[in-house]
Amino acid sequence: MGYRKTNIPGWFCQLILLTLIALPVLADDVPLMVLEGTATGGRDNGDFMVFDPALAWNRDQLTEWQETAKEGERPPMEEFMGAIGKARIGPDHKFRLEIPVDRPRRVYFAIFNAKSPDGMTYGPVKTGNNFVLEPGKLNLRTIRGNYWIMTGGYYNDAIHSSWRTSEEYTQAQADYERFLTPAEDETEEARRRRVDNLTEASRRLTQIEMDGFAKVALNHDDPEVVKHAIQTTWLFGPWMGEAIQRLAEIAPEDPWVIGRLAAMEAAAANAEQNRQLRVGESVLDFTAETLGGEEVTLSDIRADSRYLLVEFWASWCGPCRVEIPHMKQAYERFRDKGFEIVSFTVDEEREDWEEASVEEDLPWFDLGMGYEAEAAKAYNVLGVPNNYLVESSTGKIISKDLRQHKLDEKLEELLE
């Protein structure tokens, strides 16, 4: 059989070569995720980092490190948290990084070392920043906190784009942004209305996000997309159980699905034990340490107060820290009438707790620390902020999750 000789133009050869060069792969054919982005809002500088939770140190690894660590030494942050990619955000607020992808999986991003115009270091926001590490080119625009838009990638487009780029979500974010900023000479009545609107806008955003994940998990044909949707959400609801049951039907041999089904059964069996405290129930006593190392027991604080606010927070929790200035106002106004506050941080790193406490200058009992501590486990703290208002004489919880003027109104009712 003969072959006809074809003259291939030089420009065509160059095009093929450039295409091969542009493919996101390593020399050993491991594909790459190429992530390019722009950081906007307050956190438009610092270090953009991607973390794999599966690579984060467990308690045994941390204990082993502590055995040889010097006094005051901190664990290497990038190794401790499972960092797999890091890029400095440039003066133009852009960043780019490449990460090898051996398999698609859940990761998350955060911006570290970002500074405000006056030099204050922002804590990283990690909640809600999960995405799928997958081969190809992705583009990310960070806007505020966990408000971000990502395009590119089969899994990320399927899971996030359907709702993050929707008109409904964009409008809800605009409403939230509008209610964040007070008007000049804002009256107390106007402030309370604005805070109520801000709370409703936040609730609406959460609902849109939850509905978005649920729609993907309950309707997409690809079981891998469904699985990644469940893995990357931070919002739980009845839809998740339905989605896992659906996965069990279309991918019954998948080890992850089998494990989640077993976990669901165990959670159902321990539902009563793991639930959070309700209004009308008795507050749980606990002992924790101050930054100075002094042990403090909740029952002792109750003995010296009429009403006690037990507040769970963290240095990295934006809503927690936004609330602190108002809590200070309420504390100053009602302290002499018998109101007390005890805050407990779920920070895992003492330096994070120390830095945030110094920055916020907390005037009340400031205790810690960690999700595995007695206090956090007793109250089954799954997220922050989270608080309980307690009648000290009886130890009964009389209200939960009071924010801004809702706290004021309750204290006015009780103490004025």
Protein backbone atom coordinates (compact mmCIF):
# COMPACT_ATOMS: atom_id res chain seq x y z
CA MET A 1 0.00 0.00 0.00
CA GLY A 2 1.39 3.40 -0.89
CA TYR A 3 1.13 6.62 1.07
CA ARG A 4 0.71 10.04 -0.40
CA LYS A 5 3.28 12.54 0.73
CA THR A 6 1.73 15.58 2.37
CA ASN A 7 3.50 18.86 2.93
CA ILE A 8 2.58 20.11 6.40
CA PRO A 9 2.89 23.89 6.78
CA GLY A 10 5.38 25.10 9.36
CA TRP A 11 2.76 27.15 11.19
CA PHE A 12 0.71 23.98 11.72
CA CYS A 13 3.68 22.20 13.33
CA GLN A 14 4.22 25.18 15.61
CA LEU A 15 0.55 25.13 16.57
CA ILE A 16 0.72 21.44 17.48
CA LEU A 17 3.85 22.05 19.53
CA LEU A 18 2.32 24.97 21.41
CA THR A 19 -0.80 22.90 22.11
CA LEU A 20 1.28 20.09 23.57
CA ILE A 21 3.25 22.54 25.68
CA ALA A 22 0.03 24.09 26.99
CA LEU A 23 -1.46 20.79 28.15
CA PRO A 24 -1.51 20.72 31.99
CA VAL A 25 0.58 17.58 32.55
CA LEU A 26 3.87 16.75 34.22
CA ALA A 27 6.79 14.98 32.58
CA ASP A 28 5.64 11.63 33.99
CA ASP A 29 2.12 12.18 32.62
CA VAL A 30 0.54 13.10 35.97
CA PRO A 31 -2.12 15.68 35.04
CA LEU A 32 -2.11 19.14 36.57
CA MET A 33 -4.73 21.46 37.91
CA VAL A 34 -3.79 24.97 36.82
CA LEU A 35 -5.60 27.45 39.04
CA GLU A 36 -5.52 31.13 38.14
CA GLY A 37 -7.38 33.70 40.15
CA THR A 38 -8.01 37.21 41.32
CA ALA A 39 -8.47 38.16 44.97
CA THR A 40 -10.82 41.04 45.67
CA GLY A 41 -12.31 42.54 48.81
CA GLY A 42 -10.29 42.89 52.01
CA ARG A 43 -8.25 39.74 51.48
CA ASP A 44 -6.65 40.83 48.21
CA ASN A 45 -3.07 40.25 49.35
CA GLY A 46 -1.08 37.61 51.20
CA ASP A 47 -0.69 33.92 50.36
CA PHE A 48 -3.29 31.89 48.51
CA MET A 49 -3.08 28.28 49.68
CA VAL A 50 -4.80 24.99 48.87
CA PHE A 51 -5.10 22.24 51.49
CA ASP A 52 -5.93 18.54 51.35
CA PRO A 53 -7.68 17.57 54.63
CA ALA A 54 -6.57 13.97 54.15
CA LEU A 55 -2.93 15.08 54.50
CA ALA A 56 -3.43 17.17 57.65
CA TRP A 57 -1.71 15.89 60.77
CA ASN A 58 -3.70 13.67 63.07
CA ARG A 59 -3.36 13.78 66.85
CA ASP A 60 -0.64 11.09 66.89
CA GLN A 61 1.49 13.04 64.39
CA LEU A 62 1.10 16.22 66.42
CA THR A 63 2.03 14.39 69.64
CA GLU A 64 5.12 12.94 67.99
CA TRP A 65 6.19 16.40 66.80
CA GLN A 66 5.61 17.91 70.27
CA GLU A 67 8.00 15.39 71.86
CA THR A 68 10.98 17.06 70.17
CA ALA A 69 9.65 20.61 69.73
CA LYS A 70 11.25 23.51 71.56
CA GLU A 71 9.27 25.54 74.09
CA GLY A 72 7.02 28.02 72.31
CA GLU A 73 7.63 26.44 68.90
CA ARG A 74 4.64 26.04 66.62
CA PRO A 75 4.07 23.12 64.25
CA PRO A 76 4.98 23.86 60.63
CA MET A 77 1.67 25.28 59.47
CA GLU A 78 1.77 24.05 55.89
CA GLU A 79 2.54 20.46 56.87
CA PHE A 80 0.20 20.54 59.86
CA MET A 81 -2.78 21.60 57.73
CA GLY A 82 -1.94 19.51 54.67
CA ALA A 83 -0.94 22.26 52.22
CA ILE A 84 -0.55 21.09 48.63
CA GLY A 85 -0.23 24.42 46.83
CA LYS A 86 0.81 28.00 47.61
CA ALA A 87 1.04 31.18 45.58
CA ARG A 88 1.80 34.75 46.57
CA ILE A 89 -0.95 37.19 45.59
CA GLY A 90 0.69 39.85 43.45
CA PRO A 91 0.28 43.64 43.50
CA ASP A 92 -2.35 43.21 40.78
CA HIS A 93 -4.24 40.89 43.18
CA LYS A 94 -3.71 37.90 40.88
CA PHE A 95 -2.27 34.48 41.66
CA ARG A 96 -1.49 31.26 39.84
CA LEU A 97 -0.51 27.80 40.98
CA GLU A 98 -0.16 24.32 39.56
CA ILE A 99 -0.95 21.16 41.54
CA PRO A 100 -0.48 17.55 40.39
CA VAL A 101 -3.73 15.58 40.39
CA ASP A 102 -3.46 11.82 40.88
CA ARG A 103 -7.23 11.61 41.43
CA PRO A 104 -10.12 14.10 41.84
CA ARG A 105 -10.84 14.81 45.51
CA ARG A 106 -12.08 17.41 47.96
CA VAL A 107 -9.69 20.19 48.91
CA TYR A 108 -10.17 23.71 50.22
CA PHE A 109 -8.49 27.08 49.86
CA ALA A 110 -7.74 29.93 52.22
CA ILE A 111 -5.84 33.20 52.10
CA PHE A 112 -3.21 33.62 54.80
CA ASN A 113 -1.23 36.70 55.90
CA ALA A 114 -3.65 39.16 54.29
CA LYS A 115 -3.42 42.62 55.80
CA SER A 116 -5.88 45.47 56.01
CA PRO A 117 -4.84 49.00 54.92
CA ASP A 118 -4.03 49.83 58.56
CA GLY A 119 -1.78 46.78 58.93
CA MET A 120 -4.08 44.40 60.81
CA THR A 121 -3.64 40.76 59.80
CA TYR A 122 -6.87 39.06 58.76
CA GLY A 123 -7.53 35.54 59.94
CA PRO A 124 -8.03 33.00 57.15
CA VAL A 125 -11.58 32.04 56.17
CA LYS A 126 -11.83 28.32 55.48
CA THR A 127 -15.49 27.43 55.98
CA GLY A 128 -17.37 27.10 52.69
CA ASN A 129 -14.23 27.17 50.53
CA ASN A 130 -14.23 23.50 49.51
CA PHE A 131 -13.83 22.57 45.86
CA VAL A 132 -12.74 19.57 43.78
CA LEU A 133 -9.09 19.13 42.86
CA GLU A 134 -9.26 17.98 39.24
CA PRO A 135 -7.12 18.17 36.08
CA GLY A 136 -7.46 21.15 33.78
CA LYS A 137 -7.56 24.92 33.98
CA LEU A 138 -9.72 26.56 36.62
CA ASN A 139 -10.36 30.24 37.24
CA LEU A 140 -11.25 31.62 40.65
CA ARG A 141 -12.37 35.03 41.85
CA THR A 142 -12.54 35.53 45.61
CA ILE A 143 -14.92 38.28 46.61
CA ARG A 144 -15.67 38.21 50.33
CA GLY A 145 -15.31 35.51 52.96
CA ASN A 146 -16.79 32.37 51.42
CA TYR A 147 -18.25 34.31 48.47
CA TRP A 148 -16.30 33.20 45.41
CA ILE A 149 -16.86 32.21 41.81
CA MET A 150 -14.99 29.31 40.17
CA THR A 151 -15.25 28.27 36.54
CA GLY A 152 -13.62 25.44 34.64
CA GLY A 153 -13.33 21.77 35.46
CA TYR A 154 -15.99 19.11 34.94
CA TYR A 155 -16.77 18.54 38.62
CA ASN A 156 -16.54 22.12 39.81
CA ASP A 157 -18.75 23.42 37.01
CA ALA A 158 -21.32 20.71 37.70
CA ILE A 159 -21.36 21.31 41.45
CA HIS A 160 -20.83 25.06 41.88
CA SER A 161 -21.60 27.00 38.71
CA SER A 162 -25.29 26.13 38.59
CA TRP A 163 -26.02 28.18 41.70
CA ARG A 164 -22.95 30.38 42.36
CA THR A 165 -23.42 32.14 39.02
CA SER A 166 -27.21 32.33 39.26
CA GLU A 167 -29.03 35.67 39.31
CA GLU A 168 -30.69 34.70 42.59
CA TYR A 169 -27.37 34.10 44.36
CA THR A 170 -25.77 37.23 42.90
CA GLN A 171 -28.69 39.36 44.07
CA ALA A 172 -28.64 37.80 47.54
CA GLN A 173 -24.92 38.59 47.85
CA ALA A 174 -25.58 42.17 46.75
CA ASP A 175 -28.30 42.49 49.41
CA TYR A 176 -25.97 41.11 52.06
CA GLU A 177 -23.23 43.56 51.04
CA ARG A 178 -25.68 46.47 51.14
CA PHE A 179 -26.83 45.65 54.68
CA LEU A 180 -23.25 45.30 55.95
CA THR A 181 -22.55 49.03 55.75
CA PRO A 182 -24.39 51.40 58.09
CA ALA A 183 -25.68 54.70 56.80
CA GLU A 184 -24.28 57.95 58.16
CA ASP A 185 -25.95 59.02 61.42
CA GLU A 186 -27.73 55.67 61.64
CA THR A 187 -30.27 55.63 64.47
CA GLU A 188 -30.58 52.71 66.86
CA GLU A 189 -33.92 51.76 65.33
CA ALA A 190 -32.43 51.84 61.83
CA ARG A 191 -29.46 49.79 62.98
CA ARG A 192 -31.71 47.10 64.37
CA ARG A 193 -33.71 46.96 61.13
CA ARG A 194 -30.48 46.72 59.14
CA VAL A 195 -29.19 43.89 61.33
CA ASP A 196 -32.46 42.01 60.90
CA ASN A 197 -32.17 42.45 57.13
CA LEU A 198 -28.54 41.31 57.26
CA THR A 199 -29.53 38.21 59.20
CA GLU A 200 -32.25 37.41 56.69
CA ALA A 201 -29.85 37.95 53.77
CA SER A 202 -27.36 35.59 55.38
CA ARG A 203 -30.08 32.98 55.91
CA ARG A 204 -31.14 33.34 52.29
CA LEU A 205 -27.57 32.85 51.05
CA THR A 206 -27.20 29.72 53.14
CA GLN A 207 -30.49 28.34 51.82
CA ILE A 208 -29.52 29.01 48.18
CA GLU A 209 -26.22 27.23 48.71
CA MET A 210 -27.85 24.27 50.42
CA ASP A 211 -30.50 24.02 47.71
CA GLY A 212 -27.78 24.19 45.06
CA PHE A 213 -25.84 21.26 46.50
CA ALA A 214 -29.05 19.31 47.08
CA LYS A 215 -30.20 19.76 43.49
CA VAL A 216 -26.90 18.42 42.16
CA ALA A 217 -26.75 15.51 44.61
CA LEU A 218 -30.35 14.43 44.03
CA ASN A 219 -30.48 14.83 40.25
CA HIS A 220 -27.09 14.47 38.55
CA ASP A 221 -26.58 11.28 36.56
CA ASP A 222 -22.87 10.88 37.33
CA PRO A 223 -22.35 9.15 40.71
CA GLU A 224 -18.89 10.74 41.01
CA VAL A 225 -20.42 14.22 40.72
CA VAL A 226 -22.97 13.29 43.38
CA LYS A 227 -20.23 11.99 45.66
CA HIS A 228 -18.09 15.10 45.25
CA ALA A 229 -21.11 17.33 45.89
CA ILE A 230 -21.70 15.60 49.22
CA GLN A 231 -18.02 15.73 50.11
CA THR A 232 -17.50 19.41 49.32
CA THR A 233 -20.52 20.91 51.07
CA TRP A 234 -20.32 22.23 54.62
CA LEU A 235 -24.11 22.43 54.94
CA PHE A 236 -26.01 19.43 56.22
CA GLY A 237 -29.67 18.64 55.80
CA PRO A 238 -32.12 15.81 55.12
CA TRP A 239 -31.13 15.96 51.43
CA MET A 240 -27.74 14.46 52.26
CA GLY A 241 -29.24 11.24 53.58
CA GLU A 242 -31.45 11.00 50.51
CA ALA A 243 -28.43 11.57 48.24
CA ILE A 244 -26.40 8.85 49.96
CA GLN A 245 -29.31 6.43 49.67
CA ARG A 246 -29.51 7.32 45.96
CA LEU A 247 -25.77 6.68 45.59
CA ALA A 248 -26.20 3.31 47.26
CA GLU A 249 -28.58 2.34 44.48
CA ILE A 250 -26.42 3.51 41.56
CA ALA A 251 -22.98 2.72 43.03
CA PRO A 252 -23.58 0.00 45.66
CA GLU A 253 -19.98 -1.30 45.60
CA ASP A 254 -18.31 2.06 46.16
CA PRO A 255 -16.32 1.82 49.46
CA TRP A 256 -16.97 5.47 50.30
CA VAL A 257 -20.73 4.99 49.89
CA ILE A 258 -20.67 1.87 52.06
CA GLY A 259 -18.79 3.80 54.74
CA ARG A 260 -21.20 6.74 54.66
CA LEU A 261 -24.19 4.46 54.98
CA ALA A 262 -22.64 2.90 58.07
CA ALA A 263 -21.89 6.37 59.48
CA MET A 264 -25.50 7.45 58.86
CA GLU A 265 -26.78 4.45 60.79
CA ALA A 266 -24.41 5.16 63.68
CA ALA A 267 -25.41 8.83 63.74
CA ALA A 268 -29.08 7.90 63.84
CA ALA A 269 -28.41 5.58 66.77
CA ASN A 270 -26.56 8.35 68.66
CA ALA A 271 -28.79 11.24 67.61
CA GLU A 272 -30.02 11.97 71.11
CA GLN A 273 -26.53 11.85 72.58
CA ASN A 274 -25.06 14.15 69.93
CA ARG A 275 -27.77 16.77 69.77
CA GLN A 276 -27.18 20.31 70.96
CA LEU A 277 -28.76 21.71 74.11
CA ARG A 278 -32.21 23.24 73.86
CA VAL A 279 -33.89 26.19 75.53
CA GLY A 280 -35.30 25.08 78.89
CA GLU A 281 -32.59 22.51 79.53
CA SER A 282 -29.82 22.85 82.12
CA VAL A 283 -26.49 24.26 81.09
CA LEU A 284 -23.55 21.85 81.33
CA ASP A 285 -20.69 22.63 83.66
CA PHE A 286 -17.09 22.55 82.45
CA THR A 287 -13.61 23.62 83.46
CA ALA A 288 -11.22 25.38 81.07
CA GLU A 289 -8.09 27.52 81.17
CA THR A 290 -7.51 31.19 80.57
CA LEU A 291 -4.60 32.38 78.44
CA GLY A 292 -2.70 32.81 81.68
CA GLY A 293 -3.18 29.16 82.59
CA GLU A 294 -5.76 29.72 85.34
CA GLU A 295 -8.47 27.07 85.56
CA VAL A 296 -12.01 28.44 85.58
CA THR A 297 -15.21 26.49 86.17
CA LEU A 298 -18.49 27.62 84.65
CA SER A 299 -20.42 27.02 87.86
CA ASP A 300 -18.14 29.51 89.68
CA ILE A 301 -18.89 32.18 87.09
CA ARG A 302 -22.61 31.47 87.41
CA ALA A 303 -22.39 32.00 91.17
CA ASP A 304 -21.27 35.61 90.64
CA SER A 305 -23.82 36.60 88.00
CA ARG A 306 -27.53 36.78 87.28
CA TYR A 307 -27.38 35.94 83.59
CA LEU A 308 -24.50 34.36 81.74
CA LEU A 309 -23.78 34.23 78.00
CA VAL A 310 -21.72 31.16 77.00
CA GLU A 311 -20.18 32.01 73.64
CA PHE A 312 -18.25 29.62 71.39
CA TRP A 313 -16.02 31.32 68.83
CA ALA A 314 -12.70 31.10 66.92
CA SER A 315 -10.04 33.46 65.61
CA TRP A 316 -10.78 32.43 62.00
CA CYS A 317 -14.56 32.88 62.33
CA GLY A 318 -15.49 36.15 60.62
CA PRO A 319 -19.07 36.36 61.98
CA CYS A 320 -17.73 35.70 65.50
CA ARG A 321 -15.32 38.60 65.37
CA VAL A 322 -17.80 40.93 63.71
CA GLU A 323 -20.06 40.34 66.70
CA ILE A 324 -17.46 41.16 69.37
CA PRO A 325 -17.74 45.00 69.28
CA HIS A 326 -21.48 44.76 69.91
CA MET A 327 -20.97 42.18 72.66
CA LYS A 328 -18.61 44.67 74.33
CA GLN A 329 -21.32 47.32 74.22
CA ALA A 330 -23.84 44.97 75.80
CA TYR A 331 -21.30 43.88 78.40
CA GLU A 332 -20.52 47.45 79.41
CA ARG A 333 -24.19 48.33 79.56
CA PHE A 334 -25.41 45.36 81.59
CA ARG A 335 -22.41 44.08 83.53
CA ASP A 336 -23.21 46.05 86.68
CA LYS A 337 -26.72 44.59 86.58
CA GLY A 338 -25.48 41.02 86.77
CA PHE A 339 -24.65 40.13 83.16
CA GLU A 340 -21.50 38.09 82.49
CA ILE A 341 -19.92 36.52 79.42
CA VAL A 342 -17.62 33.55 79.08
CA SER A 343 -16.17 32.84 75.66
CA PHE A 344 -14.58 29.56 74.66
CA THR A 345 -12.47 29.30 71.51
CA VAL A 346 -12.39 26.21 69.31
CA ASP A 347 -9.03 27.32 67.86
CA GLU A 348 -6.59 24.43 67.69
CA GLU A 349 -3.51 26.64 67.81
CA ARG A 350 -2.74 28.62 70.97
CA GLU A 351 -1.00 31.39 69.04
CA ASP A 352 -4.13 31.95 66.93
CA TRP A 353 -6.18 32.27 70.12
CA GLU A 354 -3.63 34.60 71.71
CA GLU A 355 -3.36 36.88 68.69
CA ALA A 356 -7.12 37.18 68.27
CA SER A 357 -7.66 37.81 71.99
CA VAL A 358 -5.06 40.57 72.01
CA GLU A 359 -6.53 42.16 68.90
CA GLU A 360 -10.08 42.01 70.26
CA ASP A 361 -9.11 42.90 73.86
CA LEU A 362 -11.84 40.74 75.38
CA PRO A 363 -12.95 42.13 78.78
CA TRP A 364 -14.74 38.95 79.95
CA PHE A 365 -13.70 35.36 80.73
CA ASP A 366 -11.68 34.18 77.71
CA LEU A 367 -11.21 30.40 77.83
CA GLY A 368 -9.96 27.68 75.49
CA MET A 369 -9.36 25.68 73.48
CA GLY A 370 -10.19 23.30 70.60
CA TYR A 371 -13.04 21.15 69.32
CA GLU A 372 -11.80 18.19 71.37
CA ALA A 373 -11.78 20.09 74.66
CA GLU A 374 -14.26 19.28 77.44
CA ALA A 375 -16.42 22.33 76.82
CA ALA A 376 -16.74 21.93 73.03
CA LYS A 377 -17.50 18.21 73.32
CA ALA A 378 -20.02 18.69 76.14
CA TYR A 379 -21.95 21.22 74.06
CA ASN A 380 -21.47 19.25 70.82
CA VAL A 381 -20.12 22.35 69.06
CA LEU A 382 -20.23 21.69 65.33
CA GLY A 383 -19.73 25.27 64.16
CA VAL A 384 -19.30 28.82 65.38
CA PRO A 385 -20.58 31.31 66.37
CA ASN A 386 -22.82 29.54 68.85
CA ASN A 387 -24.09 30.86 72.18
CA TYR A 388 -26.42 30.13 75.09
CA LEU A 389 -27.97 32.65 77.49
CA VAL A 390 -28.28 31.10 80.94
CA GLU A 391 -30.20 32.08 84.07
CA SER A 392 -27.40 31.71 86.58
CA SER A 393 -29.52 30.91 89.65
CA THR A 394 -31.23 27.94 88.04
CA GLY A 395 -28.70 26.98 85.37
CA LYS A 396 -31.49 26.91 82.77
CA ILE A 397 -30.91 27.96 79.17
CA ILE A 398 -33.40 30.73 78.43
CA SER A 399 -32.32 31.59 74.86
CA LYS A 400 -29.85 30.59 72.12
CA ASP A 401 -27.85 32.25 69.37
CA LEU A 402 -28.63 35.84 70.33
CA ARG A 403 -26.95 38.37 68.05
CA GLN A 404 -26.81 42.15 67.90
CA HIS A 405 -30.04 43.82 69.09
CA LYS A 406 -31.68 40.45 69.80
CA LEU A 407 -29.21 40.15 72.68
CA ASP A 408 -29.95 43.75 73.73
CA GLU A 409 -33.69 43.21 73.68
CA LYS A 410 -33.45 40.04 75.77
CA LEU A 411 -31.20 41.68 78.35
CA GLU A 412 -33.47 44.74 78.48
CA GLU A 413 -36.38 42.42 79.17
CA LEU A 414 -34.47 40.62 81.95
CA LEU A 415 -32.45 43.37 83.60
CA GLU A 416 -34.30 46.67 83.10
